[in-house]
């Protein structure tokens, strides 16, 4: 099925989508879900790395303060 045919079809026009149309839509949705999930996971782990670095710096400063009075 051509991209033009896919873009011209609208669900609910009184005609059923073909199996090919549904398969294409499901593939596109799955791909978008994978990309979105990866982006969210990447952002989460990057924030965790920043938090760890900030906590280490804070603890280091506190330890140095205790040691050096």
N, C-alpha and C. Protein backbone atom coordinates (compact mmCIF):
# COMPACT_ATOMS: atom_id res chain seq x y z
N UNK A 1 0.84 -1.18 0.00
CA UNK A 1 0.00 0.00 0.00
C UNK A 1 0.89 1.24 0.00
N UNK A 2 0.52 2.17 -0.81
CA UNK A 2 1.32 3.38 -0.92
C UNK A 2 1.08 4.30 0.26
N UNK A 3 2.03 5.17 0.50
CA UNK A 3 1.90 6.13 1.59
C UNK A 3 0.71 7.05 1.34
N UNK A 4 0.50 7.39 0.07
CA UNK A 4 -0.62 8.27 -0.28
C UNK A 4 -1.96 7.62 0.10
N UNK A 5 -2.08 6.32 -0.16
CA UNK A 5 -3.31 5.61 0.20
C UNK A 5 -3.48 5.58 1.72
N UNK A 6 -2.39 5.36 2.43
CA UNK A 6 -2.47 5.33 3.90
C UNK A 6 -2.90 6.68 4.45
N UNK A 7 -2.36 7.74 3.90
CA UNK A 7 -2.69 9.07 4.41
C UNK A 7 -4.11 9.50 4.04
N UNK A 8 -4.63 8.96 2.95
CA UNK A 8 -5.97 9.36 2.51
C UNK A 8 -7.07 8.62 3.26
N UNK A 9 -6.75 7.48 3.86
CA UNK A 9 -7.76 6.71 4.57
C UNK A 9 -8.05 7.35 5.92
N UNK A 10 -9.31 7.42 6.28
CA UNK A 10 -9.70 7.93 7.59
C UNK A 10 -10.61 6.90 8.24
N UNK A 11 -10.27 6.50 9.45
CA UNK A 11 -11.12 5.56 10.16
C UNK A 11 -12.48 6.19 10.40
N UNK A 12 -13.51 5.39 10.31
CA UNK A 12 -14.85 5.87 10.59
C UNK A 12 -15.57 6.44 9.37
N UNK A 13 -15.05 6.22 8.16
CA UNK A 13 -15.70 6.75 6.96
C UNK A 13 -16.74 5.76 6.43
N UNK A 14 -17.06 4.74 7.21
CA UNK A 14 -18.04 3.77 6.76
C UNK A 14 -17.42 2.62 5.99
N UNK A 15 -16.13 2.62 5.85
CA UNK A 15 -15.46 1.51 5.20
C UNK A 15 -14.43 0.93 6.16
N UNK A 16 -14.31 -0.37 6.12
CA UNK A 16 -13.37 -1.04 7.00
C UNK A 16 -11.95 -0.93 6.45
N UNK A 17 -10.97 -0.74 7.33
CA UNK A 17 -9.59 -0.72 6.85
C UNK A 17 -9.16 -2.13 6.46
N UNK A 18 -8.26 -2.22 5.54
CA UNK A 18 -7.76 -3.53 5.13
C UNK A 18 -6.79 -4.04 6.19
N UNK A 19 -6.52 -5.32 6.15
CA UNK A 19 -5.54 -5.89 7.07
C UNK A 19 -4.18 -5.23 6.88
N UNK A 20 -3.86 -4.91 5.65
CA UNK A 20 -2.59 -4.25 5.34
C UNK A 20 -2.52 -2.88 6.00
N UNK A 21 -3.64 -2.14 5.95
CA UNK A 21 -3.70 -0.82 6.58
C UNK A 21 -3.51 -0.94 8.10
N UNK A 22 -4.23 -1.89 8.69
CA UNK A 22 -4.13 -2.07 10.14
C UNK A 22 -2.72 -2.49 10.54
N UNK A 23 -2.12 -3.38 9.76
CA UNK A 23 -0.76 -3.81 10.05
C UNK A 23 0.21 -2.64 10.00
N UNK A 24 0.06 -1.79 8.99
CA UNK A 24 0.94 -0.62 8.85
C UNK A 24 0.76 0.34 10.02
N UNK A 25 -0.47 0.59 10.40
CA UNK A 25 -0.75 1.49 11.53
C UNK A 25 -0.14 0.92 12.80
N UNK A 26 -0.32 -0.38 13.03
CA UNK A 26 0.22 -1.00 14.24
C UNK A 26 1.75 -0.95 14.26
N UNK A 27 2.39 -1.14 13.10
CA UNK A 27 3.85 -1.05 13.04
C UNK A 27 4.31 0.36 13.39
N UNK A 28 3.63 1.37 12.85
CA UNK A 28 4.02 2.75 13.11
C UNK A 28 3.82 3.11 14.57
N UNK A 29 2.71 2.67 15.15
CA UNK A 29 2.45 2.95 16.56
C UNK A 29 3.48 2.25 17.44
N UNK A 30 3.81 1.01 17.11
CA UNK A 30 4.82 0.27 17.89
C UNK A 30 6.17 0.98 17.81
N UNK A 31 6.54 1.46 16.64
CA UNK A 31 7.82 2.15 16.48
C UNK A 31 7.84 3.44 17.30
N UNK A 32 6.75 4.19 17.25
CA UNK A 32 6.67 5.43 18.03
C UNK A 32 6.73 5.13 19.52
N UNK A 33 6.08 4.05 19.96
CA UNK A 33 6.10 3.67 21.37
C UNK A 33 7.52 3.30 21.80
N UNK A 34 8.23 2.55 20.96
CA UNK A 34 9.61 2.18 21.29
C UNK A 34 10.49 3.43 21.41
N UNK A 35 10.34 4.35 20.47
CA UNK A 35 11.15 5.57 20.49
C UNK A 35 10.83 6.42 21.72
N UNK A 36 9.55 6.54 22.03
CA UNK A 36 9.13 7.33 23.19
C UNK A 36 9.63 6.70 24.49
N UNK A 37 9.55 5.39 24.58
CA UNK A 37 10.00 4.69 25.77
C UNK A 37 11.51 4.85 25.95
N UNK A 38 12.26 4.72 24.86
CA UNK A 38 13.71 4.88 24.94
C UNK A 38 14.08 6.29 25.35
N UNK A 39 13.39 7.26 24.80
CA UNK A 39 13.67 8.66 25.14
C UNK A 39 13.40 8.91 26.62
N UNK A 40 12.30 8.38 27.13
CA UNK A 40 11.97 8.56 28.55
C UNK A 40 12.99 7.86 29.44
N UNK A 41 13.40 6.65 29.07
CA UNK A 41 14.39 5.91 29.86
C UNK A 41 15.73 6.64 29.85
N UNK A 42 16.13 7.13 28.68
CA UNK A 42 17.39 7.88 28.59
C UNK A 42 17.37 9.12 29.47
N UNK A 43 16.26 9.85 29.44
CA UNK A 43 16.13 11.05 30.27
C UNK A 43 16.16 10.69 31.76
N UNK A 44 15.50 9.61 32.12
CA UNK A 44 15.47 9.16 33.52
C UNK A 44 16.87 8.83 34.01
N UNK A 45 17.61 8.04 33.23
CA UNK A 45 18.95 7.65 33.67
C UNK A 45 19.93 8.83 33.66
N UNK A 46 19.75 9.76 32.75
CA UNK A 46 20.59 10.96 32.76
C UNK A 46 20.33 11.77 34.03
N UNK A 47 19.07 11.89 34.42
CA UNK A 47 18.73 12.60 35.66
C UNK A 47 19.32 11.87 36.86
N UNK A 48 19.27 10.55 36.85
CA UNK A 48 19.87 9.78 37.94
C UNK A 48 21.37 10.03 38.03
N UNK A 49 22.05 10.08 36.87
CA UNK A 49 23.49 10.36 36.87
C UNK A 49 23.79 11.74 37.45
N UNK A 50 22.96 12.73 37.09
CA UNK A 50 23.16 14.08 37.64
C UNK A 50 22.94 14.09 39.15
N UNK A 51 21.91 13.38 39.60
CA UNK A 51 21.63 13.31 41.04
C UNK A 51 22.78 12.64 41.79
N UNK A 52 23.32 11.57 41.23
CA UNK A 52 24.44 10.88 41.87
C UNK A 52 25.64 11.80 41.97
N UNK A 53 25.96 12.51 40.89
CA UNK A 53 27.10 13.43 40.90
C UNK A 53 26.89 14.53 41.93
N UNK A 54 25.68 15.04 42.01
CA UNK A 54 25.39 16.10 42.97
C UNK A 54 25.51 15.58 44.40
N UNK A 55 25.00 14.37 44.65
CA UNK A 55 25.10 13.79 45.99
C UNK A 55 26.55 13.52 46.38
N UNK A 56 27.34 13.02 45.44
CA UNK A 56 28.76 12.78 45.72
C UNK A 56 29.48 14.08 46.07
N UNK A 57 29.22 15.11 45.30
CA UNK A 57 29.86 16.40 45.56
C UNK A 57 29.45 16.94 46.93
N UNK A 58 28.19 16.79 47.26
CA UNK A 58 27.69 17.28 48.55
C UNK A 58 28.33 16.51 49.70
N UNK A 59 28.39 15.18 49.58
CA UNK A 59 29.01 14.37 50.63
C UNK A 59 30.50 14.67 50.75
N UNK A 60 31.16 14.84 49.61
CA UNK A 60 32.59 15.15 49.62
C UNK A 60 32.83 16.48 50.33
N UNK A 61 32.03 17.48 50.04
CA UNK A 61 32.18 18.79 50.67
C UNK A 61 31.94 18.67 52.17
N UNK A 62 30.96 17.88 52.57
CA UNK A 62 30.67 17.70 53.99
C UNK A 62 31.81 16.98 54.69
N UNK A 63 32.34 15.93 54.08
CA UNK A 63 33.46 15.20 54.67
C UNK A 63 34.67 16.10 54.82
N UNK A 64 34.97 16.87 53.76
CA UNK A 64 36.10 17.80 53.84
C UNK A 64 35.90 18.86 54.93
N UNK A 65 34.68 19.28 55.09
CA UNK A 65 34.37 20.26 56.12
C UNK A 65 34.61 19.67 57.51
N UNK A 66 34.22 18.41 57.69
CA UNK A 66 34.42 17.74 58.97
C UNK A 66 35.90 17.51 59.23
N UNK A 67 36.61 17.05 58.21
CA UNK A 67 38.03 16.76 58.36
C UNK A 67 38.83 18.03 58.63
N UNK A 68 38.55 19.08 57.89
CA UNK A 68 39.34 20.32 57.99
C UNK A 68 38.79 21.30 59.03
N UNK A 69 37.69 20.93 59.61
CA UNK A 69 37.15 21.76 60.69
C UNK A 69 36.50 22.96 60.18
